[in-house]
PDB file of N, CA and C in Angstrom:
ATOM      1  N   UNK A   1       5.404  31.142  49.645  1.00  0.00           N
ATOM      2  CA  UNK A   1       4.608  30.731  50.791  1.00  0.00           C
ATOM      3  C   UNK A   1       3.131  30.714  50.392  1.00  0.00           C
ATOM      4  N   UNK A   2       2.457  29.683  50.790  1.00  0.00           N
ATOM      5  CA  UNK A   2       1.012  29.579  50.599  1.00  0.00           C
ATOM      6  C   UNK A   2       0.413  29.283  51.964  1.00  0.00           C
ATOM      7  N   UNK A   3      -0.552  30.075  52.386  1.00  0.00           N
ATOM      8  CA  UNK A   3      -1.169  29.794  53.669  1.00  0.00           C
ATOM      9  C   UNK A   3      -1.945  30.964  54.222  1.00  0.00           C
ATOM     10  N   UNK A   4      -2.535  30.705  55.385  1.00  0.00           N
ATOM     11  CA  UNK A   4      -3.328  31.714  56.070  1.00  0.00           C
ATOM     12  C   UNK A   4      -3.063  31.593  57.562  1.00  0.00           C
ATOM     13  N   UNK A   5      -3.179  32.706  58.262  1.00  0.00           N
ATOM     14  CA  UNK A   5      -3.027  32.688  59.709  1.00  0.00           C
ATOM     15  C   UNK A   5      -3.754  33.886  60.301  1.00  0.00           C
ATOM     16  N   UNK A   6      -3.867  33.875  61.619  1.00  0.00           N
ATOM     17  CA  UNK A   6      -4.382  35.049  62.311  1.00  0.00           C
ATOM     18  C   UNK A   6      -3.529  35.259  63.547  1.00  0.00           C
ATOM     19  N   UNK A   7      -3.407  36.502  63.985  1.00  0.00           N
ATOM     20  CA  UNK A   7      -2.494  36.819  65.073  1.00  0.00           C
ATOM     21  C   UNK A   7      -3.218  37.461  66.258  1.00  0.00           C
ATOM     22  N   UNK A   8      -2.456  37.734  67.303  1.00  0.00           N
ATOM     23  CA  UNK A   8      -3.013  38.295  68.537  1.00  0.00           C
ATOM     24  C   UNK A   8      -3.526  39.722  68.349  1.00  0.00           C
ATOM     25  N   UNK A   9      -3.109  40.403  67.289  1.00  0.00           N
ATOM     26  CA  UNK A   9      -3.577  41.760  67.018  1.00  0.00           C
ATOM     27  C   UNK A   9      -4.891  41.749  66.236  1.00  0.00           C
ATOM     28  N   UNK A  10      -5.515  40.591  66.124  1.00  0.00           N
ATOM     29  CA  UNK A  10      -6.839  40.449  65.501  1.00  0.00           C
ATOM     30  C   UNK A  10      -6.828  40.704  63.997  1.00  0.00           C
ATOM     31  N   UNK A  11      -5.861  40.136  63.317  1.00  0.00           N
ATOM     32  CA  UNK A  11      -5.796  40.223  61.860  1.00  0.00           C
ATOM     33  C   UNK A  11      -5.708  38.832  61.266  1.00  0.00           C
ATOM     34  N   UNK A  12      -6.537  38.552  60.255  1.00  0.00           N
ATOM     35  CA  UNK A  12      -6.469  37.328  59.464  1.00  0.00           C
ATOM     36  C   UNK A  12      -5.729  37.678  58.187  1.00  0.00           C
ATOM     37  N   UNK A  13      -4.703  36.895  57.854  1.00  0.00           N
ATOM     38  CA  UNK A  13      -3.911  37.168  56.655  1.00  0.00           C
ATOM     39  C   UNK A  13      -3.798  35.912  55.801  1.00  0.00           C
ATOM     40  N   UNK A  14      -3.905  36.103  54.503  1.00  0.00           N
ATOM     41  CA  UNK A  14      -3.756  35.007  53.550  1.00  0.00           C
ATOM     42  C   UNK A  14      -2.730  35.433  52.503  1.00  0.00           C
ATOM     43  N   UNK A  15      -1.749  34.561  52.282  1.00  0.00           N
ATOM     44  CA  UNK A  15      -0.667  34.891  51.363  1.00  0.00           C
ATOM     45  C   UNK A  15      -0.410  33.706  50.441  1.00  0.00           C
ATOM     46  N   UNK A  16      -0.202  33.985  49.147  1.00  0.00           N
ATOM     47  CA  UNK A  16       0.080  32.946  48.170  1.00  0.00           C
ATOM     48  C   UNK A  16       1.059  33.517  47.145  1.00  0.00           C
ATOM     49  N   UNK A  17       2.353  33.305  47.382  1.00  0.00           N
ATOM     50  CA  UNK A  17       3.385  33.844  46.494  1.00  0.00           C
ATOM     51  C   UNK A  17       3.413  33.160  45.132  1.00  0.00           C
ATOM     52  N   UNK A  18       2.879  31.955  45.048  1.00  0.00           N
ATOM     53  CA  UNK A  18       2.885  31.228  43.774  1.00  0.00           C
ATOM     54  C   UNK A  18       1.960  31.896  42.753  1.00  0.00           C
ATOM     55  N   UNK A  19       0.756  32.247  43.165  1.00  0.00           N
ATOM     56  CA  UNK A  19      -0.223  32.822  42.248  1.00  0.00           C
ATOM     57  C   UNK A  19      -0.273  34.348  42.294  1.00  0.00           C
ATOM     58  N   UNK A  20       0.014  34.947  43.455  1.00  0.00           N
ATOM     59  CA  UNK A  20      -0.052  36.404  43.617  1.00  0.00           C
ATOM     60  C   UNK A  20       1.210  36.894  44.324  1.00  0.00           C
ATOM     61  N   UNK A  21       2.353  36.863  43.659  1.00  0.00           N
ATOM     62  CA  UNK A  21       3.597  37.282  44.311  1.00  0.00           C
ATOM     63  C   UNK A  21       3.538  38.742  44.756  1.00  0.00           C
ATOM     64  N   UNK A  22       3.994  38.969  45.974  1.00  0.00           N
ATOM     65  CA  UNK A  22       4.034  40.316  46.513  1.00  0.00           C
ATOM     66  C   UNK A  22       2.721  40.838  47.047  1.00  0.00           C
ATOM     67  N   UNK A  23       1.682  40.010  47.069  1.00  0.00           N
ATOM     68  CA  UNK A  23       0.377  40.448  47.561  1.00  0.00           C
ATOM     69  C   UNK A  23      -0.042  39.624  48.772  1.00  0.00           C
ATOM     70  N   UNK A  24      -0.783  40.251  49.659  1.00  0.00           N
ATOM     71  CA  UNK A  24      -1.319  39.591  50.848  1.00  0.00           C
ATOM     72  C   UNK A  24      -2.722  40.128  51.092  1.00  0.00           C
ATOM     73  N   UNK A  25      -3.639  39.250  51.463  1.00  0.00           N
ATOM     74  CA  UNK A  25      -5.026  39.609  51.742  1.00  0.00           C
ATOM     75  C   UNK A  25      -5.196  39.637  53.253  1.00  0.00           C
ATOM     76  N   UNK A  26      -5.750  40.701  53.808  1.00  0.00           N
ATOM     77  CA  UNK A  26      -5.917  40.806  55.249  1.00  0.00           C
ATOM     78  C   UNK A  26      -7.287  41.327  55.648  1.00  0.00           C
ATOM     79  N   UNK A  27      -7.828  40.762  56.726  1.00  0.00           N
ATOM     80  CA  UNK A  27      -9.103  41.203  57.297  1.00  0.00           C
ATOM     81  C   UNK A  27      -8.922  41.398  58.796  1.00  0.00           C
ATOM     82  N   UNK A  28      -9.487  42.472  59.320  1.00  0.00           N
ATOM     83  CA  UNK A  28      -9.446  42.699  60.761  1.00  0.00           C
ATOM     84  C   UNK A  28     -10.550  41.882  61.427  1.00  0.00           C
ATOM     85  N   UNK A  29     -10.187  41.160  62.489  1.00  0.00           N
ATOM     86  CA  UNK A  29     -11.126  40.295  63.207  1.00  0.00           C
ATOM     87  C   UNK A  29     -11.643  41.030  64.436  1.00  0.00           C
ATOM     88  N   UNK A  30     -12.957  41.107  64.564  1.00  0.00           N
ATOM     89  CA  UNK A  30     -13.575  41.675  65.757  1.00  0.00           C
ATOM     90  C   UNK A  30     -13.779  40.588  66.810  1.00  0.00           C
ATOM     91  N   UNK A  31     -14.273  39.429  66.369  1.00  0.00           N
ATOM     92  CA  UNK A  31     -14.578  38.334  67.293  1.00  0.00           C
ATOM     93  C   UNK A  31     -14.529  37.012  66.530  1.00  0.00           C
ATOM     94  N   UNK A  32     -13.918  35.992  67.120  1.00  0.00           N
ATOM     95  CA  UNK A  32     -13.920  34.651  66.532  1.00  0.00           C
ATOM     96  C   UNK A  32     -15.172  33.938  67.019  1.00  0.00           C
ATOM     97  N   UNK A  33     -16.020  33.530  66.085  1.00  0.00           N
ATOM     98  CA  UNK A  33     -17.287  32.883  66.421  1.00  0.00           C
ATOM     99  C   UNK A  33     -17.168  31.365  66.464  1.00  0.00           C
ATOM    100  N   UNK A  34     -16.307  30.797  65.605  1.00  0.00           N
ATOM    101  CA  UNK A  34     -16.137  29.339  65.564  1.00  0.00           C
ATOM    102  C   UNK A  34     -14.792  29.018  64.939  1.00  0.00           C
ATOM    103  N   UNK A  35     -14.114  27.998  65.483  1.00  0.00           N
ATOM    104  CA  UNK A  35     -12.854  27.536  64.913  1.00  0.00           C
ATOM    105  C   UNK A  35     -12.821  26.021  64.995  1.00  0.00           C
ATOM    106  N   UNK A  36     -12.479  25.372  63.878  1.00  0.00           N
ATOM    107  CA  UNK A  36     -12.464  23.911  63.829  1.00  0.00           C
ATOM    108  C   UNK A  36     -11.458  23.466  62.773  1.00  0.00           C
ATOM    109  N   UNK A  37     -10.771  22.364  63.028  1.00  0.00           N
ATOM    110  CA  UNK A  37      -9.826  21.807  62.069  1.00  0.00           C
ATOM    111  C   UNK A  37     -10.173  20.343  61.833  1.00  0.00           C
ATOM    112  N   UNK A  38     -10.256  19.971  60.566  1.00  0.00           N
ATOM    113  CA  UNK A  38     -10.486  18.575  60.207  1.00  0.00           C
ATOM    114  C   UNK A  38      -9.261  18.070  59.442  1.00  0.00           C
ATOM    115  N   UNK A  39      -9.352  16.859  58.973  1.00  0.00           N
ATOM    116  CA  UNK A  39      -8.259  16.280  58.204  1.00  0.00           C
ATOM    117  C   UNK A  39      -8.017  17.056  56.905  1.00  0.00           C
ATOM    118  N   UNK A  40      -9.043  17.679  56.366  1.00  0.00           N
ATOM    119  CA  UNK A  40      -8.962  18.303  55.046  1.00  0.00           C
ATOM    120  C   UNK A  40      -9.025  19.826  55.027  1.00  0.00           C
ATOM    121  N   UNK A  41      -9.469  20.457  56.119  1.00  0.00           N
ATOM    122  CA  UNK A  41      -9.632  21.910  56.067  1.00  0.00           C
ATOM    123  C   UNK A  41      -9.572  22.540  57.455  1.00  0.00           C
ATOM    124  N   UNK A  42      -9.308  23.838  57.466  1.00  0.00           N
ATOM    125  CA  UNK A  42      -9.411  24.666  58.663  1.00  0.00           C
ATOM    126  C   UNK A  42     -10.620  25.572  58.469  1.00  0.00           C
ATOM    127  N   UNK A  43     -11.459  25.665  59.503  1.00  0.00           N
ATOM    128  CA  UNK A  43     -12.635  26.526  59.442  1.00  0.00           C
ATOM    129  C   UNK A  43     -12.479  27.604  60.506  1.00  0.00           C
ATOM    130  N   UNK A  44     -12.564  28.850  60.092  1.00  0.00           N
ATOM    131  CA  UNK A  44     -12.495  29.984  61.006  1.00  0.00           C
ATOM    132  C   UNK A  44     -13.625  30.931  60.626  1.00  0.00           C
ATOM    133  N   UNK A  45     -14.600  31.064  61.529  1.00  0.00           N
ATOM    134  CA  UNK A  45     -15.736  31.961  61.306  1.00  0.00           C
ATOM    135  C   UNK A  45     -15.555  33.139  62.255  1.00  0.00           C
ATOM    136  N   UNK A  46     -15.513  34.320  61.688  1.00  0.00           N
ATOM    137  CA  UNK A  46     -15.291  35.498  62.530  1.00  0.00           C
ATOM    138  C   UNK A  46     -16.136  36.663  62.066  1.00  0.00           C
ATOM    139  N   UNK A  47     -16.228  37.643  62.964  1.00  0.00           N
ATOM    140  CA  UNK A  47     -16.999  38.867  62.700  1.00  0.00           C
ATOM    141  C   UNK A  47     -16.022  40.017  62.618  1.00  0.00           C
TER     142      UNK A  47
END
């Protein structure tokens, strides 16, 4: 799996089994400041 998401418990998680099998990067979100999706990227700015 390759991808990133955030959930209702205020956690942003990024996982890439191809390059880092068994590892996941996570950040706790205090507040979402900006969210935008374009044809080429997802932008999530948070504190």
